[in-house]
N, C-alpha and C. Protein backbone atom coordinates (compact mmCIF):
# COMPACT_ATOMS: atom_id res chain seq x y z
N MET A 1 18.36 9.38 -0.65
CA MET A 1 17.09 9.38 0.02
C MET A 1 16.05 8.69 -0.86
N ALA A 2 15.28 7.80 -0.26
CA ALA A 2 14.26 7.06 -0.99
C ALA A 2 12.97 7.85 -1.08
N LEU A 3 12.41 7.88 -2.27
CA LEU A 3 11.11 8.49 -2.51
C LEU A 3 10.12 7.37 -2.80
N VAL A 4 9.01 7.36 -2.11
CA VAL A 4 8.02 6.29 -2.27
C VAL A 4 6.70 6.93 -2.68
N ARG A 5 6.03 6.28 -3.64
CA ARG A 5 4.70 6.74 -4.03
C ARG A 5 3.83 5.55 -4.39
N GLU A 6 2.53 5.74 -4.18
CA GLU A 6 1.58 4.70 -4.55
C GLU A 6 1.53 4.60 -6.07
N THR A 7 1.35 3.40 -6.57
CA THR A 7 1.33 3.20 -8.02
C THR A 7 0.09 3.83 -8.65
N ALA A 8 0.27 4.28 -9.87
CA ALA A 8 -0.81 4.78 -10.73
C ALA A 8 -0.97 3.79 -11.88
N MET A 9 -2.07 3.86 -12.57
CA MET A 9 -2.34 2.91 -13.66
C MET A 9 -1.21 2.86 -14.69
N ASP A 10 -0.60 4.00 -14.97
CA ASP A 10 0.48 4.03 -15.96
C ASP A 10 1.76 3.36 -15.47
N ASP A 11 1.80 2.96 -14.21
CA ASP A 11 2.97 2.29 -13.65
C ASP A 11 2.96 0.78 -13.86
N TRP A 12 1.98 0.26 -14.58
CA TRP A 12 1.83 -1.19 -14.64
C TRP A 12 3.09 -1.88 -15.15
N LEU A 13 3.75 -1.32 -16.15
CA LEU A 13 4.94 -1.97 -16.70
C LEU A 13 6.10 -1.92 -15.70
N SER A 14 6.27 -0.80 -15.01
CA SER A 14 7.32 -0.71 -13.98
C SER A 14 7.04 -1.69 -12.85
N LEU A 15 5.78 -1.80 -12.44
CA LEU A 15 5.42 -2.75 -11.39
C LEU A 15 5.71 -4.17 -11.84
N ARG A 16 5.35 -4.48 -13.06
CA ARG A 16 5.61 -5.82 -13.61
C ARG A 16 7.10 -6.13 -13.59
N GLU A 17 7.90 -5.19 -14.10
CA GLU A 17 9.34 -5.43 -14.21
C GLU A 17 9.99 -5.64 -12.84
N ILE A 18 9.65 -4.81 -11.86
CA ILE A 18 10.30 -4.96 -10.56
C ILE A 18 9.76 -6.18 -9.81
N ARG A 19 8.48 -6.48 -9.98
CA ARG A 19 7.93 -7.68 -9.32
C ARG A 19 8.58 -8.94 -9.87
N LEU A 20 8.74 -9.02 -11.17
CA LEU A 20 9.38 -10.20 -11.76
C LEU A 20 10.85 -10.28 -11.35
N ALA A 21 11.52 -9.13 -11.25
CA ALA A 21 12.91 -9.13 -10.77
C ALA A 21 12.97 -9.65 -9.34
N ALA A 22 12.01 -9.25 -8.52
CA ALA A 22 11.97 -9.71 -7.12
C ALA A 22 11.77 -11.21 -7.05
N LEU A 23 10.86 -11.73 -7.86
CA LEU A 23 10.60 -13.17 -7.85
C LEU A 23 11.78 -13.99 -8.34
N GLN A 24 12.58 -13.41 -9.25
CA GLN A 24 13.79 -14.10 -9.70
C GLN A 24 14.90 -14.01 -8.66
N ASP A 25 15.06 -12.85 -8.04
CA ASP A 25 16.14 -12.64 -7.08
C ASP A 25 15.91 -13.40 -5.78
N ALA A 26 14.67 -13.46 -5.32
CA ALA A 26 14.37 -14.05 -4.01
C ALA A 26 13.16 -14.98 -4.11
N PRO A 27 13.29 -16.08 -4.83
CA PRO A 27 12.13 -16.95 -5.04
C PRO A 27 11.55 -17.54 -3.76
N ASP A 28 12.34 -17.63 -2.71
CA ASP A 28 11.84 -18.20 -1.46
C ASP A 28 11.35 -17.14 -0.48
N ALA A 29 11.12 -15.93 -0.98
CA ALA A 29 10.63 -14.86 -0.10
C ALA A 29 9.16 -14.53 -0.34
N PHE A 30 8.56 -15.14 -1.35
CA PHE A 30 7.22 -14.75 -1.75
C PHE A 30 6.29 -15.96 -1.84
N ALA A 31 5.00 -15.68 -1.70
CA ALA A 31 3.99 -16.74 -1.79
C ALA A 31 3.73 -17.14 -3.24
N SER A 32 4.20 -16.33 -4.19
CA SER A 32 3.99 -16.60 -5.60
C SER A 32 5.31 -16.97 -6.26
N THR A 33 5.25 -17.24 -7.56
CA THR A 33 6.45 -17.62 -8.29
C THR A 33 6.59 -16.80 -9.58
N TYR A 34 7.81 -16.73 -10.07
CA TYR A 34 8.08 -16.06 -11.34
C TYR A 34 7.28 -16.72 -12.45
N ALA A 35 7.27 -18.05 -12.47
CA ALA A 35 6.57 -18.77 -13.54
C ALA A 35 5.09 -18.41 -13.61
N SER A 36 4.46 -18.22 -12.48
CA SER A 36 3.04 -17.88 -12.52
C SER A 36 2.81 -16.42 -12.91
N GLU A 37 3.64 -15.50 -12.40
CA GLU A 37 3.38 -14.08 -12.64
C GLU A 37 3.90 -13.57 -13.98
N GLU A 38 4.86 -14.26 -14.59
CA GLU A 38 5.35 -13.80 -15.89
C GLU A 38 4.27 -13.93 -16.96
N THR A 39 3.26 -14.73 -16.70
CA THR A 39 2.18 -14.92 -17.67
C THR A 39 1.08 -13.86 -17.54
N PHE A 40 1.11 -13.04 -16.49
CA PHE A 40 0.08 -12.01 -16.29
C PHE A 40 0.14 -10.99 -17.43
N ASP A 41 -1.02 -10.64 -17.94
CA ASP A 41 -1.08 -9.62 -19.00
C ASP A 41 -1.26 -8.22 -18.40
N GLU A 42 -1.29 -7.23 -19.27
CA GLU A 42 -1.42 -5.85 -18.82
C GLU A 42 -2.65 -5.65 -17.93
N ALA A 43 -3.76 -6.27 -18.29
CA ALA A 43 -5.00 -6.12 -17.51
C ALA A 43 -4.81 -6.64 -16.08
N ALA A 44 -4.07 -7.72 -15.91
CA ALA A 44 -3.83 -8.26 -14.57
C ALA A 44 -2.99 -7.31 -13.72
N TRP A 45 -1.98 -6.70 -14.33
CA TRP A 45 -1.15 -5.74 -13.59
C TRP A 45 -1.94 -4.48 -13.25
N ARG A 46 -2.77 -4.03 -14.17
CA ARG A 46 -3.60 -2.86 -13.90
C ARG A 46 -4.63 -3.17 -12.81
N ALA A 47 -5.15 -4.39 -12.80
CA ALA A 47 -6.11 -4.78 -11.75
C ALA A 47 -5.43 -4.77 -10.39
N ARG A 48 -4.19 -5.18 -10.33
CA ARG A 48 -3.43 -5.16 -9.06
C ARG A 48 -3.28 -3.72 -8.58
N ILE A 49 -2.98 -2.82 -9.48
CA ILE A 49 -2.84 -1.41 -9.12
C ILE A 49 -4.18 -0.83 -8.68
N ALA A 50 -5.25 -1.21 -9.37
CA ALA A 50 -6.59 -0.67 -9.06
C ALA A 50 -7.04 -1.00 -7.65
N ARG A 51 -6.56 -2.09 -7.08
CA ARG A 51 -6.94 -2.45 -5.70
C ARG A 51 -6.40 -1.44 -4.69
N GLY A 52 -5.35 -0.73 -5.07
CA GLY A 52 -4.72 0.23 -4.16
C GLY A 52 -3.73 -0.47 -3.25
N GLY A 53 -2.90 0.33 -2.60
CA GLY A 53 -1.95 -0.22 -1.65
C GLY A 53 -0.66 -0.75 -2.23
N SER A 54 -0.38 -0.48 -3.50
CA SER A 54 0.90 -0.89 -4.10
C SER A 54 1.81 0.34 -4.18
N PHE A 55 3.04 0.18 -3.71
CA PHE A 55 3.97 1.31 -3.65
C PHE A 55 5.27 0.96 -4.34
N LEU A 56 5.86 1.96 -5.00
CA LEU A 56 7.16 1.82 -5.63
C LEU A 56 8.11 2.83 -4.98
N ALA A 57 9.37 2.43 -4.83
CA ALA A 57 10.39 3.32 -4.26
C ALA A 57 11.41 3.66 -5.33
N TYR A 58 11.90 4.90 -5.24
CA TYR A 58 12.90 5.41 -6.19
C TYR A 58 14.03 6.04 -5.40
N VAL A 59 15.25 5.84 -5.88
CA VAL A 59 16.42 6.53 -5.35
C VAL A 59 17.13 7.12 -6.56
N PRO A 60 16.94 8.42 -6.80
CA PRO A 60 17.47 9.04 -8.03
C PRO A 60 18.96 8.82 -8.24
N GLU A 61 19.75 8.74 -7.18
CA GLU A 61 21.19 8.53 -7.33
C GLU A 61 21.52 7.13 -7.87
N ILE A 62 20.58 6.20 -7.71
CA ILE A 62 20.81 4.82 -8.15
C ILE A 62 20.18 4.57 -9.52
N SER A 63 18.96 5.06 -9.70
CA SER A 63 18.25 4.87 -10.96
C SER A 63 17.34 6.06 -11.17
N ALA A 64 17.51 6.77 -12.26
CA ALA A 64 16.75 7.99 -12.52
C ALA A 64 15.27 7.73 -12.73
N SER A 65 14.92 6.60 -13.34
CA SER A 65 13.50 6.40 -13.66
C SER A 65 12.93 5.06 -13.22
N ALA A 66 13.76 4.06 -13.00
CA ALA A 66 13.25 2.74 -12.64
C ALA A 66 13.12 2.61 -11.12
N PRO A 67 12.03 1.98 -10.66
CA PRO A 67 11.89 1.79 -9.22
C PRO A 67 12.95 0.82 -8.69
N VAL A 68 13.35 1.05 -7.43
CA VAL A 68 14.34 0.18 -6.80
C VAL A 68 13.73 -0.67 -5.69
N GLY A 69 12.44 -0.49 -5.42
CA GLY A 69 11.78 -1.29 -4.40
C GLY A 69 10.28 -1.26 -4.58
N LEU A 70 9.63 -2.24 -3.97
CA LEU A 70 8.17 -2.31 -4.00
C LEU A 70 7.65 -2.93 -2.73
N VAL A 71 6.39 -2.64 -2.43
CA VAL A 71 5.69 -3.22 -1.29
C VAL A 71 4.20 -3.08 -1.55
N GLY A 72 3.44 -3.92 -0.89
CA GLY A 72 1.99 -3.83 -0.99
C GLY A 72 1.35 -3.87 0.38
N GLY A 73 0.17 -3.29 0.45
CA GLY A 73 -0.64 -3.36 1.64
C GLY A 73 -2.06 -3.72 1.23
N TYR A 74 -2.75 -4.46 2.07
CA TYR A 74 -4.15 -4.82 1.79
C TYR A 74 -4.86 -5.05 3.12
N GLU A 75 -6.17 -4.88 3.11
CA GLU A 75 -6.92 -5.12 4.34
C GLU A 75 -7.07 -6.62 4.53
N GLU A 76 -6.36 -7.14 5.52
CA GLU A 76 -6.35 -8.57 5.81
C GLU A 76 -7.67 -8.97 6.47
N GLU A 77 -8.11 -8.14 7.39
CA GLU A 77 -9.39 -8.28 8.09
C GLU A 77 -9.68 -6.90 8.68
N PRO A 78 -10.91 -6.64 9.10
CA PRO A 78 -11.19 -5.31 9.66
C PRO A 78 -10.21 -4.94 10.78
N GLY A 79 -9.57 -3.79 10.61
CA GLY A 79 -8.63 -3.30 11.61
C GLY A 79 -7.20 -3.76 11.43
N THR A 80 -6.96 -4.67 10.49
CA THR A 80 -5.61 -5.20 10.26
C THR A 80 -5.24 -5.10 8.79
N VAL A 81 -4.10 -4.48 8.53
CA VAL A 81 -3.56 -4.40 7.17
C VAL A 81 -2.42 -5.41 7.07
N GLY A 82 -2.38 -6.11 5.96
CA GLY A 82 -1.27 -7.02 5.67
C GLY A 82 -0.22 -6.30 4.83
N LEU A 83 1.03 -6.45 5.20
CA LEU A 83 2.16 -5.92 4.42
C LEU A 83 2.69 -7.09 3.62
N ILE A 84 2.75 -6.94 2.30
CA ILE A 84 3.15 -8.05 1.43
C ILE A 84 4.12 -7.60 0.34
N SER A 85 4.80 -8.59 -0.22
CA SER A 85 5.58 -8.43 -1.45
C SER A 85 6.68 -7.39 -1.38
N MET A 86 7.27 -7.17 -0.21
CA MET A 86 8.33 -6.17 -0.12
C MET A 86 9.64 -6.73 -0.67
N TRP A 87 10.30 -5.89 -1.45
CA TRP A 87 11.60 -6.26 -2.02
C TRP A 87 12.33 -5.00 -2.42
N VAL A 88 13.65 -5.01 -2.26
CA VAL A 88 14.51 -3.90 -2.64
C VAL A 88 15.64 -4.47 -3.51
N ARG A 89 15.90 -3.80 -4.62
CA ARG A 89 17.00 -4.25 -5.50
C ARG A 89 18.30 -4.28 -4.70
N PRO A 90 19.15 -5.26 -4.94
CA PRO A 90 20.40 -5.37 -4.16
C PRO A 90 21.23 -4.09 -4.14
N GLU A 91 21.31 -3.37 -5.27
CA GLU A 91 22.14 -2.17 -5.31
C GLU A 91 21.54 -1.01 -4.51
N ALA A 92 20.27 -1.13 -4.12
CA ALA A 92 19.62 -0.06 -3.35
C ALA A 92 19.53 -0.37 -1.86
N ARG A 93 19.95 -1.56 -1.47
CA ARG A 93 19.89 -1.92 -0.05
C ARG A 93 20.89 -1.08 0.73
N GLY A 94 20.50 -0.71 1.94
CA GLY A 94 21.36 0.12 2.76
C GLY A 94 21.17 1.61 2.52
N HIS A 95 20.15 1.98 1.73
CA HIS A 95 19.87 3.38 1.42
C HIS A 95 18.54 3.84 2.02
N GLY A 96 18.00 3.09 2.97
CA GLY A 96 16.75 3.48 3.62
C GLY A 96 15.50 3.14 2.84
N VAL A 97 15.62 2.37 1.78
CA VAL A 97 14.47 2.04 0.94
C VAL A 97 13.47 1.17 1.69
N GLY A 98 13.96 0.14 2.37
CA GLY A 98 13.07 -0.74 3.12
C GLY A 98 12.27 0.01 4.16
N GLU A 99 12.93 0.86 4.93
CA GLU A 99 12.24 1.66 5.95
C GLU A 99 11.20 2.57 5.32
N ALA A 100 11.53 3.18 4.18
CA ALA A 100 10.60 4.08 3.51
C ALA A 100 9.38 3.32 2.98
N LEU A 101 9.58 2.13 2.45
CA LEU A 101 8.47 1.31 1.97
C LEU A 101 7.56 0.89 3.13
N ILE A 102 8.16 0.48 4.23
CA ILE A 102 7.36 0.10 5.41
C ILE A 102 6.57 1.30 5.90
N ALA A 103 7.19 2.46 5.98
CA ALA A 103 6.51 3.67 6.43
C ALA A 103 5.32 4.00 5.52
N ALA A 104 5.46 3.77 4.22
CA ALA A 104 4.35 4.03 3.30
C ALA A 104 3.15 3.14 3.62
N VAL A 105 3.41 1.87 3.91
CA VAL A 105 2.31 0.96 4.23
C VAL A 105 1.72 1.32 5.60
N LEU A 106 2.55 1.68 6.56
CA LEU A 106 2.03 2.09 7.87
C LEU A 106 1.13 3.32 7.73
N ASP A 107 1.55 4.30 6.93
CA ASP A 107 0.73 5.49 6.71
C ASP A 107 -0.57 5.13 6.01
N TRP A 108 -0.48 4.27 5.01
CA TRP A 108 -1.66 3.82 4.26
C TRP A 108 -2.63 3.12 5.19
N ALA A 109 -2.10 2.27 6.09
CA ALA A 109 -2.94 1.55 7.05
C ALA A 109 -3.61 2.51 8.02
N GLN A 110 -2.86 3.49 8.52
CA GLN A 110 -3.43 4.46 9.44
C GLN A 110 -4.55 5.26 8.78
N ALA A 111 -4.38 5.60 7.51
CA ALA A 111 -5.42 6.34 6.79
C ALA A 111 -6.70 5.52 6.66
N ARG A 112 -6.58 4.21 6.75
CA ARG A 112 -7.74 3.31 6.69
C ARG A 112 -8.21 2.92 8.09
N LEU A 113 -7.67 3.59 9.09
CA LEU A 113 -8.05 3.39 10.50
C LEU A 113 -7.74 1.98 11.00
N ALA A 114 -6.72 1.36 10.42
CA ALA A 114 -6.29 0.05 10.92
C ALA A 114 -5.67 0.21 12.29
N ARG A 115 -5.74 -0.84 13.07
CA ARG A 115 -5.15 -0.86 14.41
C ARG A 115 -3.79 -1.56 14.43
N SER A 116 -3.52 -2.36 13.38
CA SER A 116 -2.23 -3.05 13.34
C SER A 116 -1.88 -3.42 11.90
N VAL A 117 -0.58 -3.71 11.71
CA VAL A 117 -0.08 -4.20 10.43
C VAL A 117 0.57 -5.55 10.70
N HIS A 118 0.27 -6.51 9.86
CA HIS A 118 0.70 -7.91 10.02
C HIS A 118 1.48 -8.31 8.77
N LEU A 119 2.47 -9.15 8.93
CA LEU A 119 3.21 -9.65 7.77
C LEU A 119 3.75 -11.05 8.04
N TRP A 120 4.13 -11.71 6.98
CA TRP A 120 4.80 -13.01 7.05
C TRP A 120 6.20 -12.84 6.46
N VAL A 121 7.19 -13.42 7.09
CA VAL A 121 8.55 -13.38 6.58
C VAL A 121 9.14 -14.79 6.65
N THR A 122 9.82 -15.18 5.60
CA THR A 122 10.44 -16.50 5.57
C THR A 122 11.44 -16.61 6.72
N GLU A 123 11.37 -17.69 7.44
CA GLU A 123 12.21 -17.89 8.63
C GLU A 123 13.69 -17.69 8.33
N THR A 124 14.13 -18.08 7.15
CA THR A 124 15.55 -17.99 6.80
C THR A 124 15.97 -16.60 6.33
N ASN A 125 15.02 -15.67 6.16
CA ASN A 125 15.34 -14.34 5.66
C ASN A 125 15.66 -13.41 6.83
N LYS A 126 16.84 -13.61 7.40
CA LYS A 126 17.25 -12.85 8.59
C LYS A 126 17.37 -11.35 8.34
N PRO A 127 17.93 -10.89 7.20
CA PRO A 127 17.99 -9.43 6.99
C PRO A 127 16.61 -8.78 6.98
N ALA A 128 15.64 -9.40 6.34
CA ALA A 128 14.28 -8.83 6.31
C ALA A 128 13.68 -8.82 7.71
N ARG A 129 13.87 -9.89 8.44
CA ARG A 129 13.32 -9.94 9.79
C ARG A 129 13.93 -8.84 10.67
N ARG A 130 15.25 -8.64 10.56
CA ARG A 130 15.89 -7.56 11.34
C ARG A 130 15.32 -6.19 10.95
N LEU A 131 15.08 -5.96 9.66
CA LEU A 131 14.50 -4.70 9.20
C LEU A 131 13.12 -4.51 9.81
N TYR A 132 12.27 -5.52 9.73
CA TYR A 132 10.93 -5.40 10.28
C TYR A 132 10.97 -5.14 11.79
N GLU A 133 11.85 -5.83 12.48
CA GLU A 133 11.94 -5.62 13.93
C GLU A 133 12.45 -4.22 14.26
N ARG A 134 13.39 -3.69 13.47
CA ARG A 134 13.83 -2.29 13.66
C ARG A 134 12.68 -1.32 13.48
N CYS A 135 11.72 -1.69 12.65
CA CYS A 135 10.57 -0.83 12.36
C CYS A 135 9.40 -1.10 13.30
N GLY A 136 9.65 -1.83 14.37
CA GLY A 136 8.63 -2.01 15.40
C GLY A 136 7.79 -3.26 15.33
N PHE A 137 8.06 -4.16 14.42
CA PHE A 137 7.30 -5.40 14.32
C PHE A 137 7.83 -6.42 15.33
N LYS A 138 6.92 -7.20 15.88
CA LYS A 138 7.27 -8.24 16.86
C LYS A 138 6.67 -9.57 16.40
N PRO A 139 7.36 -10.69 16.71
CA PRO A 139 6.80 -12.01 16.36
C PRO A 139 5.47 -12.24 17.09
N THR A 140 4.54 -12.88 16.37
CA THR A 140 3.24 -13.20 16.97
C THR A 140 3.18 -14.64 17.48
N GLY A 141 4.14 -15.46 17.08
CA GLY A 141 4.12 -16.87 17.43
C GLY A 141 3.47 -17.73 16.35
N GLU A 142 2.87 -17.11 15.35
CA GLU A 142 2.26 -17.86 14.25
C GLU A 142 3.35 -18.33 13.28
N ARG A 143 3.12 -19.49 12.70
CA ARG A 143 4.01 -20.07 11.69
C ARG A 143 3.14 -20.72 10.63
N GLN A 144 3.68 -20.78 9.42
CA GLN A 144 3.00 -21.50 8.34
C GLN A 144 4.02 -21.86 7.28
N PRO A 145 3.74 -22.88 6.47
CA PRO A 145 4.63 -23.18 5.36
C PRO A 145 4.52 -22.07 4.30
N LEU A 146 5.62 -21.75 3.67
CA LEU A 146 5.63 -20.79 2.57
C LEU A 146 4.83 -21.39 1.42
N PRO A 147 3.77 -20.71 0.94
CA PRO A 147 2.93 -21.31 -0.11
C PRO A 147 3.70 -21.71 -1.37
N SER A 148 4.70 -20.95 -1.77
CA SER A 148 5.44 -21.28 -2.99
C SER A 148 6.51 -22.34 -2.78
N ASN A 149 6.86 -22.63 -1.52
CA ASN A 149 7.85 -23.66 -1.19
C ASN A 149 7.57 -24.18 0.22
N PRO A 150 6.65 -25.14 0.36
CA PRO A 150 6.24 -25.61 1.67
C PRO A 150 7.36 -26.22 2.52
N ALA A 151 8.55 -26.41 1.93
CA ALA A 151 9.68 -26.90 2.72
C ALA A 151 10.22 -25.81 3.64
N LEU A 152 9.85 -24.56 3.38
CA LEU A 152 10.29 -23.44 4.21
C LEU A 152 9.13 -22.93 5.06
N ASP A 153 9.45 -22.44 6.25
CA ASP A 153 8.42 -21.87 7.11
C ASP A 153 8.47 -20.35 7.07
N GLU A 154 7.30 -19.76 7.26
CA GLU A 154 7.18 -18.32 7.43
C GLU A 154 6.79 -18.03 8.88
N LEU A 155 7.28 -16.91 9.38
CA LEU A 155 6.94 -16.45 10.72
C LEU A 155 6.08 -15.19 10.58
N ALA A 156 5.10 -15.03 11.45
CA ALA A 156 4.25 -13.85 11.43
C ALA A 156 4.83 -12.79 12.37
N LEU A 157 4.79 -11.55 11.92
CA LEU A 157 5.19 -10.40 12.74
C LEU A 157 4.04 -9.39 12.66
N ALA A 158 3.87 -8.62 13.69
CA ALA A 158 2.82 -7.60 13.70
C ALA A 158 3.32 -6.35 14.43
N ARG A 159 2.67 -5.25 14.11
CA ARG A 159 3.00 -3.97 14.75
C ARG A 159 1.71 -3.21 14.99
N PRO A 160 1.47 -2.80 16.22
CA PRO A 160 0.28 -1.96 16.47
C PRO A 160 0.50 -0.58 15.88
N LEU A 161 -0.60 0.09 15.58
CA LEU A 161 -0.55 1.46 15.06
C LEU A 161 -1.03 2.44 16.13
């Protein structure tokens, strides 16, 4: 069973480690790159946590202390929360981590009285798209080039709350 909690300031090193692992494992899934984020210092990671909306997932049977997944939420515009930076370690996939991370952002969005949650997913990332659709997200028809690799397209999905 996946346990998800919002990050605290003392989580900066864990957030850094899992975020960099995500950028190495799936470089075409994110708007940023490993090369840019590996240079961030402690203050930058703490600033990311201070904004709120960053969540880490744990599965004790897989790793006693290290997070196995992460996700972020932010207010994209009034009434809409953006779901960003979701990733689950390969060994934790299939254990409900993705669903638990999405649920954390949905709950966080509802607490902020958002009316919908919006996300971008790389067109070629079929497993992630299937997960989002299982969790109630639908395509909006929007497309854009992936900022970190404009040769790939991202598709927008949204879910009302």
